[in-house]
Amino acid sequence: MYKKDFSIRKVPEIVAESGSALLHFFSDDAYNMSGFNISYKVNGCPTNDSRVECSGFGACMDDGTCSCENLYTGEACNIALCPNNCS
């Protein structure tokens, strides 16, 4: 996981099922007080499956909302619609 430059090469996945997450980054000041440089990306679209956006039944829009396929609805496109009142 670490190399000579102490860079993390494998990024851990963080899944916040509650809708929020708190990430706390800190540096050990015993290492010449050099601090660190970190970057991260937040997937803003809701989902019921952390492996895909919009539960796999929609597209994630730039504003962080899902545009669902025809037979799905809900904030995370996780509610299947029943066409013709299920007949």
Protein backbone atom coordinates (compact mmCIF):
# COMPACT_ATOMS: atom_id res chain seq x y z
CA MET A 1 0.00 0.00 0.00
CA TYR A 2 2.87 2.41 0.68
CA LYS A 3 5.93 3.17 -1.41
CA LYS A 4 9.09 5.15 -0.68
CA ASP A 5 7.25 8.46 -1.08
CA PHE A 6 4.59 7.27 1.42
CA SER A 7 1.79 7.75 -1.10
CA ILE A 8 -1.28 5.56 -0.79
CA ARG A 9 -1.74 3.71 -4.05
CA LYS A 10 -5.03 1.97 -3.25
CA VAL A 11 -7.88 4.30 -2.40
CA PRO A 12 -10.33 2.93 0.20
CA GLU A 13 -14.02 3.14 -0.64
CA ILE A 14 -16.23 4.89 1.89
CA VAL A 15 -19.97 4.21 1.72
CA ALA A 16 -22.28 6.43 3.77
CA GLU A 17 -25.68 4.74 3.84
CA SER A 18 -27.07 7.40 6.19
CA GLY A 19 -26.62 10.13 3.58
CA SER A 20 -23.70 11.85 5.29
CA ALA A 21 -20.09 11.09 6.17
CA LEU A 22 -17.37 12.72 8.23
CA LEU A 23 -13.81 12.19 7.05
CA HIS A 24 -11.05 13.20 9.45
CA PHE A 25 -7.57 13.58 7.98
CA PHE A 26 -4.53 14.16 10.15
CA SER A 27 -0.77 14.09 9.88
CA ASP A 28 1.86 12.97 12.34
CA ASP A 29 3.88 16.10 13.16
CA ALA A 30 6.88 13.91 14.05
CA TYR A 31 7.64 13.64 10.33
CA ASN A 32 9.21 17.10 9.87
CA MET A 33 5.78 18.71 10.17
CA SER A 34 5.45 18.43 6.40
CA GLY A 35 1.71 17.71 6.51
CA PHE A 36 0.07 16.07 3.54
CA ASN A 37 -1.79 16.69 0.31
CA ILE A 38 -5.07 14.91 -0.23
CA SER A 39 -7.76 14.94 -2.88
CA TYR A 40 -11.10 13.19 -2.99
CA LYS A 41 -14.24 12.86 -5.10
CA VAL A 42 -17.78 12.63 -3.81
CA ASN A 43 -20.39 10.66 -5.70
CA GLY A 44 -23.44 12.80 -5.14
CA CYS A 45 -26.07 10.53 -6.66
CA PRO A 46 -28.16 8.36 -4.35
CA THR A 47 -28.11 4.60 -4.80
CA ASN A 48 -29.06 1.39 -3.03
CA ASP A 49 -25.99 -0.39 -4.43
CA SER A 50 -22.59 1.18 -3.72
CA ARG A 51 -21.11 -0.39 -6.87
CA VAL A 52 -23.33 1.57 -9.29
CA GLU A 53 -24.90 5.03 -9.45
CA CYS A 54 -28.67 5.45 -9.28
CA SER A 55 -29.13 1.78 -8.30
CA GLY A 56 -28.17 0.74 -11.83
CA PHE A 57 -31.49 1.96 -13.26
CA GLY A 58 -30.69 5.56 -14.12
CA ALA A 59 -28.04 8.13 -14.98
CA CYS A 60 -26.33 10.47 -12.53
CA MET A 61 -26.87 14.08 -13.58
CA ASP A 62 -24.41 16.95 -12.99
CA ASP A 63 -26.57 18.33 -10.16
CA GLY A 64 -26.31 15.07 -8.16
CA THR A 65 -29.78 13.76 -8.99
CA CYS A 66 -30.76 10.60 -10.84
CA SER A 67 -32.58 10.52 -14.17
CA CYS A 68 -34.38 7.17 -14.02
CA GLU A 69 -35.09 4.70 -16.81
CA ASN A 70 -38.74 4.40 -17.95
CA LEU A 71 -39.82 1.62 -15.57
CA TYR A 72 -38.12 2.99 -12.43
CA THR A 73 -38.72 5.93 -10.11
CA GLY A 74 -37.60 7.29 -6.76
CA GLU A 75 -34.68 9.44 -5.65
CA ALA A 76 -32.29 6.54 -6.24
CA CYS A 77 -34.25 4.92 -9.13
CA ASN A 78 -34.83 1.97 -6.82
CA ILE A 79 -38.63 1.72 -7.11
CA ALA A 80 -39.90 -0.41 -9.99
CA LEU A 81 -43.06 0.85 -11.67
CA CYS A 82 -45.72 -1.63 -12.64
CA PRO A 83 -46.88 -0.81 -16.20
CA ASN A 84 -50.64 -0.87 -16.96
CA ASN A 85 -51.50 -1.32 -13.26
CA CYS A 86 -49.63 -4.64 -13.25
CA SER A 87 -51.96 -6.24 -15.81
